[in-house]
Protein backbone atom coordinates (compact mmCIF):
# COMPACT_ATOMS: atom_id res chain seq x y z
CA MET A 1 18.19 -4.74 1.72
CA PRO A 2 20.53 -2.08 0.26
CA ALA A 3 19.09 1.41 -0.17
CA SER A 4 19.09 1.06 -3.96
CA THR A 5 17.12 -2.18 -3.95
CA VAL A 6 13.56 -2.18 -5.22
CA ARG A 7 11.38 -5.22 -4.70
CA CYS A 8 8.63 -5.85 -7.18
CA VAL A 9 6.18 -8.73 -7.23
CA ARG A 10 3.32 -9.52 -9.54
CA VAL A 11 0.39 -11.26 -7.89
CA ARG A 12 -3.02 -12.49 -8.99
CA HIS A 13 -5.99 -10.17 -8.53
CA GLU A 14 -7.39 -12.40 -5.76
CA PRO A 15 -8.03 -11.89 -2.03
CA GLN A 16 -5.66 -14.66 -0.91
CA GLU A 17 -2.74 -12.74 -2.43
CA VAL A 18 -2.98 -10.10 0.31
CA SER A 19 -1.42 -12.41 2.90
CA SER A 20 1.30 -13.70 0.56
CA VAL A 21 2.42 -10.16 -0.33
CA ARG A 22 2.29 -9.12 3.33
CA ARG A 23 4.52 -12.05 4.36
CA ALA A 24 7.05 -11.48 1.56
CA LEU A 25 7.34 -7.76 2.31
CA HIS A 26 7.49 -8.30 6.09
CA ASP A 27 10.21 -10.95 5.80
CA ASP A 28 12.18 -8.69 3.46
CA LEU A 29 11.99 -5.68 5.78
CA LEU A 30 12.98 -7.71 8.83
CA ARG A 31 16.36 -8.38 7.18
CA ASP A 32 17.37 -4.70 7.34
CA PRO A 33 18.01 -3.15 10.78
CA ARG A 34 16.69 0.21 9.54
CA THR A 35 13.33 -1.18 8.49
CA SER A 36 12.79 -4.01 10.95
CA PRO A 37 11.23 -1.68 13.59
CA VAL A 38 8.51 -0.65 11.12
CA ALA A 39 8.08 -3.97 9.28
CA ASP A 40 4.72 -4.58 10.99
CA ASP A 41 3.45 -1.09 10.14
CA VAL A 42 4.51 -1.38 6.49
CA ALA A 43 2.89 -4.82 6.30
CA VAL A 44 -0.42 -3.38 7.56
CA VAL A 45 -0.29 -0.52 5.04
CA THR A 46 0.54 -2.94 2.22
CA SER A 47 -2.31 -5.27 3.22
CA GLU A 48 -4.76 -2.39 3.09
CA LEU A 49 -3.53 -1.16 -0.30
CA VAL A 50 -3.50 -4.63 -1.89
CA GLY A 51 -6.88 -5.48 -0.36
CA ASN A 52 -8.39 -2.29 -1.75
CA ALA A 53 -6.91 -2.98 -5.19
CA VAL A 54 -8.48 -6.44 -5.18
CA ARG A 55 -11.86 -5.16 -3.96
CA HIS A 56 -12.16 -1.94 -5.94
CA GLY A 57 -9.64 -2.03 -8.79
CA SER A 58 -9.60 -3.89 -12.06
CA PRO A 59 -6.94 -6.50 -12.76
CA LEU A 60 -3.84 -5.40 -14.61
CA ASP A 61 -3.39 -8.23 -17.11
CA GLY A 62 -4.99 -10.55 -14.55
CA GLY A 63 -3.04 -9.32 -11.56
CA LEU A 64 -1.50 -6.49 -9.57
CA ILE A 65 2.02 -5.12 -9.24
CA VAL A 66 3.34 -4.46 -5.74
CA ARG A 67 6.63 -2.59 -5.22
CA TRP A 68 8.51 -1.54 -2.13
CA ARG A 69 11.77 0.33 -1.81
CA LEU A 70 13.84 2.29 0.63
CA SER A 71 13.95 6.00 -0.07
CA GLY A 72 15.91 8.23 2.30
CA ASP A 73 14.42 7.56 5.73
CA GLU A 74 11.24 5.78 4.65
CA VAL A 75 9.80 2.72 2.96
CA ALA A 76 7.79 3.50 -0.16
CA VAL A 77 5.04 1.02 -1.08
CA GLU A 78 3.16 1.09 -4.39
CA VAL A 79 0.28 -1.04 -5.61
CA VAL A 80 -0.62 -0.84 -9.30
CA ASP A 81 -3.93 -2.12 -10.66
CA GLY A 82 -5.79 -1.78 -13.94
CA GLY A 83 -7.88 1.18 -12.77
CA GLY A 84 -11.44 1.31 -11.56
CA GLY A 85 -13.18 -0.69 -14.27
CA ASP A 86 -15.45 0.87 -16.88
CA GLY A 87 -15.10 4.60 -17.33
CA PRO A 88 -12.50 6.91 -15.85
CA PRO A 89 -10.80 5.76 -12.64
CA ARG A 90 -12.52 6.98 -9.48
CA GLU A 91 -10.65 9.03 -6.94
CA VAL A 92 -9.30 7.00 -4.03
CA ALA A 93 -10.00 8.64 -0.67
CA ALA A 94 -10.55 7.71 2.95
CA HIS A 95 -14.15 8.06 4.03
CA ASP A 96 -15.95 7.88 7.35
CA ALA A 97 -17.42 4.46 7.90
CA ASP A 98 -20.52 3.92 9.99
CA PRO A 99 -19.64 2.35 13.38
CA MET A 100 -21.59 -0.76 12.38
CA ASP A 101 -19.87 -1.17 8.99
CA THR A 102 -17.57 -4.17 8.66
CA CYS A 103 -15.26 -2.38 6.22
CA GLY A 104 -14.30 1.10 5.12
CA ARG A 105 -11.59 1.99 7.64
CA GLY A 106 -8.50 0.84 5.74
CA LEU A 107 -7.38 4.15 4.27
CA HIS A 108 -7.77 5.81 7.68
CA ILE A 109 -5.32 3.21 8.98
CA VAL A 110 -2.99 4.01 6.07
CA GLU A 111 -3.27 7.74 6.93
CA GLU A 112 -2.35 7.10 10.56
CA ILE A 113 0.66 4.91 9.83
CA SER A 114 2.03 6.68 6.76
CA ARG A 115 3.87 9.94 6.50
CA ARG A 116 1.95 10.52 3.25
CA TRP A 117 -0.06 8.53 0.76
CA GLY A 118 -1.68 9.22 -2.56
CA THR A 119 -2.69 7.99 -5.98
CA SER A 120 -1.88 8.53 -9.61
CA VAL A 121 -3.32 7.28 -12.88
CA ASP A 122 -1.18 6.93 -15.99
CA THR A 123 -2.31 7.52 -19.57
CA ALA A 124 -3.18 3.82 -19.98
CA GLY A 125 -5.58 4.04 -17.00
CA ARG A 126 -3.38 2.06 -14.60
CA ARG A 127 -3.83 3.30 -11.04
CA THR A 128 -1.00 3.42 -8.52
CA VAL A 129 -1.78 3.87 -4.84
CA TRP A 130 1.33 4.61 -2.79
CA ALA A 131 2.30 5.23 0.82
CA LEU A 132 5.48 6.40 2.55
CA VAL A 133 6.20 4.91 5.97
CA PRO A 134 9.13 6.45 7.91
CA PHE A 135 11.77 4.18 9.44
CA ALA A 136 11.18 5.79 12.84
CA PRO A 137 7.53 5.54 13.90
CA GLY A 138 7.80 8.79 15.87
CA SER A 139 8.67 10.78 12.74
CA ARG A 140 5.13 10.71 11.36
CA PRO A 141 3.12 13.92 11.44
CA ALA A 142 0.81 14.28 14.41
CA ALA A 143 -2.76 13.23 13.72
CA ALA A 144 -5.30 16.01 13.43
CA VAL A 145 -7.65 16.28 16.37
C-alpha cells in the first residue's frame, strides 16, 4: 500500500460487520512490509472502534465509514458514525470496568496499543473516533503506572 493510499469502506451498522472490516484491513496491511508487523494490533484497534460505533453510535445513513491510511510512521484508523443518537453526541472516553463486567475494556485496549486516539464531531453531528498506531510497536509511549 503506497504511503498516499487511503482505504475507505462503508459498512452496515451491524455487529457482524466488525469481523469483515477487521479482515479487510488486516489483509491490506499485511501487503506492506512497513505495516505487516503491526497488522494484528491495528486490527484489534479497528475492531474495538467499529464495535463501539455499532453499540453506542447511531447509523450514518444506515451504516458506518471506516478509513485507514499510512501517515509518516503510523497507521491512522478512523470510524465515522451518525453520532450518539438523540441530543448532542456524548463524549467518548475509556472508563474503568468492574472486574465482573463482560464489556467496557475496549478503549483501554485502544489506549495501550495506540500512540494516540481521540474523537471529533462535525457540524452535522457525525462522530469520528480515530487512533494512530505506530509501525514499530516499541515506539508507543510507555503506559502510566
